[in-house]
């Protein structure tokens, strides 16, 4: 039986690496891997939360714009083809 008392569980490691990836990838060049890896947990989670909130706001704005565009789109008409035409 292996004890995880003196080490990180594989589940926690996966979460840690996911947080590091998200901060480095979505941080737009503001973070490097080693900086995030050594960052205190509460600060890392703060930055992750802020990036998540920013993306949520951007998605809402995008949806608003798309809904506005879709509501103002002209209705499409079918072509005027005589019904008695045969090919």
N, C-alpha and C. Protein backbone atom coordinates (compact mmCIF):
# COMPACT_ATOMS: atom_id res chain seq x y z
N UNK A 1 0.82 -1.19 0.00
CA UNK A 1 0.00 0.00 0.00
C UNK A 1 0.86 1.24 0.00
N UNK A 2 0.58 2.10 -0.96
CA UNK A 2 1.34 3.34 -1.04
C UNK A 2 0.61 4.46 -0.32
N UNK A 3 1.34 5.18 0.48
CA UNK A 3 0.76 6.31 1.19
C UNK A 3 1.01 7.59 0.40
N UNK A 4 -0.01 8.44 0.34
CA UNK A 4 0.15 9.70 -0.37
C UNK A 4 0.35 10.86 0.60
N UNK A 5 0.65 10.53 1.86
CA UNK A 5 0.81 11.56 2.87
C UNK A 5 1.95 12.51 2.54
N UNK A 6 3.06 11.96 2.04
CA UNK A 6 4.24 12.79 1.78
C UNK A 6 4.35 13.20 0.32
N UNK A 7 3.30 13.00 -0.43
CA UNK A 7 3.34 13.38 -1.83
C UNK A 7 1.95 13.78 -2.30
N UNK A 8 1.89 14.26 -3.50
CA UNK A 8 0.62 14.65 -4.07
C UNK A 8 -0.08 13.44 -4.68
N UNK A 9 -1.39 13.38 -4.49
CA UNK A 9 -2.15 12.31 -5.13
C UNK A 9 -2.19 12.57 -6.62
N UNK A 10 -2.42 11.53 -7.40
CA UNK A 10 -2.46 11.71 -8.85
C UNK A 10 -3.63 12.62 -9.25
N UNK A 11 -4.72 12.58 -8.49
CA UNK A 11 -5.86 13.45 -8.77
C UNK A 11 -5.48 14.92 -8.54
N UNK A 12 -4.77 15.19 -7.46
CA UNK A 12 -4.35 16.56 -7.18
C UNK A 12 -3.33 17.03 -8.21
N UNK A 13 -2.42 16.14 -8.61
CA UNK A 13 -1.42 16.50 -9.61
C UNK A 13 -2.11 16.91 -10.91
N UNK A 14 -3.13 16.16 -11.30
CA UNK A 14 -3.86 16.47 -12.52
C UNK A 14 -4.51 17.85 -12.42
N UNK A 15 -5.10 18.14 -11.27
CA UNK A 15 -5.72 19.45 -11.06
C UNK A 15 -4.65 20.55 -11.09
N UNK A 16 -3.53 20.31 -10.45
CA UNK A 16 -2.43 21.28 -10.44
C UNK A 16 -1.95 21.57 -11.85
N UNK A 17 -1.70 20.53 -12.63
CA UNK A 17 -1.20 20.71 -13.99
C UNK A 17 -2.25 21.41 -14.86
N UNK A 18 -3.52 21.14 -14.62
CA UNK A 18 -4.58 21.80 -15.37
C UNK A 18 -4.59 23.30 -15.05
N UNK A 19 -4.46 23.65 -13.78
CA UNK A 19 -4.41 25.06 -13.39
C UNK A 19 -3.18 25.75 -13.99
N UNK A 20 -2.05 25.08 -13.96
CA UNK A 20 -0.83 25.65 -14.54
C UNK A 20 -1.02 25.88 -16.03
N UNK A 21 -1.55 24.88 -16.71
CA UNK A 21 -1.79 25.01 -18.14
C UNK A 21 -2.72 26.18 -18.44
N UNK A 22 -3.82 26.26 -17.70
CA UNK A 22 -4.80 27.32 -17.96
C UNK A 22 -4.20 28.70 -17.75
N UNK A 23 -3.43 28.87 -16.70
CA UNK A 23 -2.83 30.19 -16.45
C UNK A 23 -1.78 30.55 -17.50
N UNK A 24 -0.98 29.58 -17.89
CA UNK A 24 0.05 29.86 -18.89
C UNK A 24 -0.60 30.08 -20.26
N UNK A 25 -1.57 29.25 -20.61
CA UNK A 25 -2.21 29.34 -21.93
C UNK A 25 -3.13 30.54 -22.05
N UNK A 26 -4.04 30.70 -21.09
CA UNK A 26 -5.02 31.78 -21.16
C UNK A 26 -4.54 33.08 -20.54
N UNK A 27 -3.36 33.07 -19.96
CA UNK A 27 -2.81 34.27 -19.35
C UNK A 27 -2.21 35.23 -20.36
N UNK A 28 -2.27 34.88 -21.63
CA UNK A 28 -1.79 35.73 -22.72
C UNK A 28 -0.35 36.18 -22.53
N UNK A 29 0.50 35.24 -22.14
CA UNK A 29 1.92 35.56 -22.00
C UNK A 29 2.28 36.20 -20.67
N UNK A 30 1.31 36.32 -19.76
CA UNK A 30 1.57 36.96 -18.49
C UNK A 30 2.23 36.05 -17.47
N UNK A 31 2.20 34.74 -17.74
CA UNK A 31 2.76 33.78 -16.79
C UNK A 31 3.65 32.78 -17.52
N UNK A 32 4.68 32.32 -16.82
CA UNK A 32 5.50 31.22 -17.32
C UNK A 32 5.31 30.03 -16.39
N UNK A 33 5.60 28.84 -16.91
CA UNK A 33 5.32 27.60 -16.19
C UNK A 33 5.93 27.58 -14.79
N UNK A 34 7.20 27.87 -14.68
CA UNK A 34 7.88 27.78 -13.38
C UNK A 34 7.31 28.79 -12.38
N UNK A 35 6.92 29.95 -12.87
CA UNK A 35 6.33 30.97 -12.01
C UNK A 35 4.99 30.48 -11.43
N UNK A 36 4.16 29.89 -12.29
CA UNK A 36 2.86 29.40 -11.84
C UNK A 36 3.02 28.18 -10.94
N UNK A 37 3.96 27.30 -11.27
CA UNK A 37 4.18 26.09 -10.47
C UNK A 37 4.57 26.45 -9.03
N UNK A 38 5.37 27.49 -8.86
CA UNK A 38 5.84 27.89 -7.53
C UNK A 38 4.93 28.91 -6.85
N UNK A 39 3.87 29.31 -7.53
CA UNK A 39 2.95 30.31 -7.01
C UNK A 39 2.12 29.72 -5.86
N UNK A 40 1.88 30.48 -4.80
CA UNK A 40 1.00 29.99 -3.74
C UNK A 40 -0.39 29.66 -4.29
N UNK A 41 -1.01 28.64 -3.73
CA UNK A 41 -2.29 28.13 -4.23
C UNK A 41 -3.34 29.22 -4.28
N UNK A 42 -3.46 30.02 -3.23
CA UNK A 42 -4.53 31.01 -3.20
C UNK A 42 -4.35 32.08 -4.29
N UNK A 43 -3.13 32.41 -4.62
CA UNK A 43 -2.87 33.38 -5.69
C UNK A 43 -3.15 32.74 -7.05
N UNK A 44 -2.73 31.50 -7.23
CA UNK A 44 -2.98 30.78 -8.48
C UNK A 44 -4.49 30.66 -8.73
N UNK A 45 -5.24 30.32 -7.70
CA UNK A 45 -6.70 30.19 -7.84
C UNK A 45 -7.36 31.54 -8.10
N UNK A 46 -6.81 32.61 -7.50
CA UNK A 46 -7.33 33.95 -7.74
C UNK A 46 -7.21 34.30 -9.23
N UNK A 47 -6.03 34.09 -9.80
CA UNK A 47 -5.81 34.42 -11.21
C UNK A 47 -6.67 33.52 -12.12
N UNK A 48 -6.79 32.26 -11.77
CA UNK A 48 -7.63 31.35 -12.56
C UNK A 48 -9.07 31.83 -12.56
N UNK A 49 -9.57 32.23 -11.39
CA UNK A 49 -10.95 32.72 -11.27
C UNK A 49 -11.15 33.99 -12.09
N UNK A 50 -10.20 34.91 -12.04
CA UNK A 50 -10.31 36.16 -12.79
C UNK A 50 -10.34 35.90 -14.30
N UNK A 51 -9.50 34.99 -14.77
CA UNK A 51 -9.50 34.66 -16.20
C UNK A 51 -10.83 34.03 -16.58
N UNK A 52 -11.36 33.17 -15.72
CA UNK A 52 -12.66 32.53 -15.98
C UNK A 52 -13.77 33.57 -16.05
N UNK A 53 -13.77 34.53 -15.14
CA UNK A 53 -14.78 35.59 -15.15
C UNK A 53 -14.67 36.44 -16.42
N UNK A 54 -13.45 36.73 -16.83
CA UNK A 54 -13.24 37.51 -18.05
C UNK A 54 -13.80 36.77 -19.27
N UNK A 55 -13.54 35.48 -19.36
CA UNK A 55 -14.05 34.69 -20.48
C UNK A 55 -15.58 34.61 -20.44
N UNK A 56 -16.16 34.50 -19.26
CA UNK A 56 -17.62 34.48 -19.14
C UNK A 56 -18.22 35.79 -19.65
N UNK A 57 -17.62 36.92 -19.27
CA UNK A 57 -18.10 38.23 -19.73
C UNK A 57 -17.97 38.35 -21.24
N UNK A 58 -16.85 37.89 -21.79
CA UNK A 58 -16.66 37.96 -23.24
C UNK A 58 -17.68 37.09 -23.97
N UNK A 59 -17.98 35.92 -23.42
CA UNK A 59 -18.98 35.04 -24.04
C UNK A 59 -20.36 35.67 -24.01
N UNK A 60 -20.72 36.33 -22.91
CA UNK A 60 -22.01 37.00 -22.82
C UNK A 60 -22.12 38.11 -23.85
N UNK A 61 -21.06 38.91 -23.99
CA UNK A 61 -21.06 39.99 -24.98
C UNK A 61 -21.17 39.42 -26.39
N UNK A 62 -20.47 38.35 -26.64
CA UNK A 62 -20.53 37.72 -27.96
C UNK A 62 -21.94 37.21 -28.25
N UNK A 63 -22.56 36.56 -27.26
CA UNK A 63 -23.93 36.07 -27.44
C UNK A 63 -24.89 37.23 -27.69
N UNK A 64 -24.71 38.35 -26.98
CA UNK A 64 -25.57 39.52 -27.16
C UNK A 64 -25.47 40.03 -28.60
N UNK A 65 -24.24 40.13 -29.08
CA UNK A 65 -24.02 40.60 -30.44
C UNK A 65 -24.62 39.63 -31.46
N UNK A 66 -24.42 38.35 -31.24
CA UNK A 66 -24.96 37.35 -32.17
C UNK A 66 -26.49 37.36 -32.17
N UNK A 67 -27.10 37.51 -31.00
CA UNK A 67 -28.55 37.57 -30.93
C UNK A 67 -29.08 38.81 -31.64
N UNK A 68 -28.39 39.93 -31.48
CA UNK A 68 -28.78 41.16 -32.15
C UNK A 68 -28.68 40.98 -33.66
N UNK A 69 -27.61 40.36 -34.12
CA UNK A 69 -27.41 40.12 -35.55
C UNK A 69 -28.49 39.18 -36.08
N UNK A 70 -28.76 38.10 -35.37
CA UNK A 70 -29.74 37.11 -35.82
C UNK A 70 -31.15 37.68 -35.83
N UNK A 71 -31.47 38.60 -34.93
CA UNK A 71 -32.81 39.19 -34.89
C UNK A 71 -33.02 40.21 -36.01
N UNK A 72 -31.95 40.78 -36.53
CA UNK A 72 -32.08 41.80 -37.57
C UNK A 72 -31.85 41.23 -38.97
N UNK A 73 -31.64 39.96 -39.06
CA UNK A 73 -31.39 39.34 -40.35
C UNK A 73 -32.67 39.34 -41.17
N UNK A 74 -32.57 39.65 -42.44
CA UNK A 74 -33.74 39.67 -43.32
C UNK A 74 -34.25 38.24 -43.53
N UNK A 75 -35.58 38.07 -43.54
CA UNK A 75 -36.11 36.72 -43.76
C UNK A 75 -35.78 36.25 -45.17
N UNK A 76 -35.52 34.98 -45.30
CA UNK A 76 -35.20 34.42 -46.61
C UNK A 76 -36.48 34.04 -47.33
N UNK A 77 -36.47 34.21 -48.64
CA UNK A 77 -37.62 33.86 -49.46
C UNK A 77 -37.23 32.70 -50.36
N UNK A 78 -38.18 31.84 -50.60
CA UNK A 78 -37.91 30.75 -51.52
C UNK A 78 -38.02 31.27 -52.95
N UNK A 79 -37.33 30.65 -53.89
CA UNK A 79 -37.38 31.11 -55.27
C UNK A 79 -38.78 30.96 -55.86
N UNK A 80 -39.13 31.83 -56.77
CA UNK A 80 -40.44 31.82 -57.40
C UNK A 80 -40.40 30.90 -58.63
N UNK A 81 -40.62 29.62 -58.42
CA UNK A 81 -40.60 28.63 -59.50
C UNK A 81 -42.03 28.16 -59.74
N UNK A 82 -42.52 28.23 -60.96
CA UNK A 82 -43.88 27.76 -61.24
C UNK A 82 -44.05 26.29 -60.89
N UNK A 83 -45.17 25.94 -60.31
CA UNK A 83 -45.42 24.58 -59.85
C UNK A 83 -45.69 23.63 -61.02
N UNK A 84 -46.15 24.14 -62.17
CA UNK A 84 -46.48 23.26 -63.29
C UNK A 84 -45.29 22.97 -64.19
N UNK A 85 -44.14 23.40 -63.81
CA UNK A 85 -42.93 23.14 -64.60
C UNK A 85 -42.48 21.71 -64.41
N UNK A 86 -42.19 20.99 -65.45
CA UNK A 86 -41.70 19.62 -65.32
C UNK A 86 -40.35 19.51 -66.02
N UNK A 87 -39.54 18.64 -65.49
CA UNK A 87 -38.19 18.46 -66.05
C UNK A 87 -38.10 17.12 -66.69
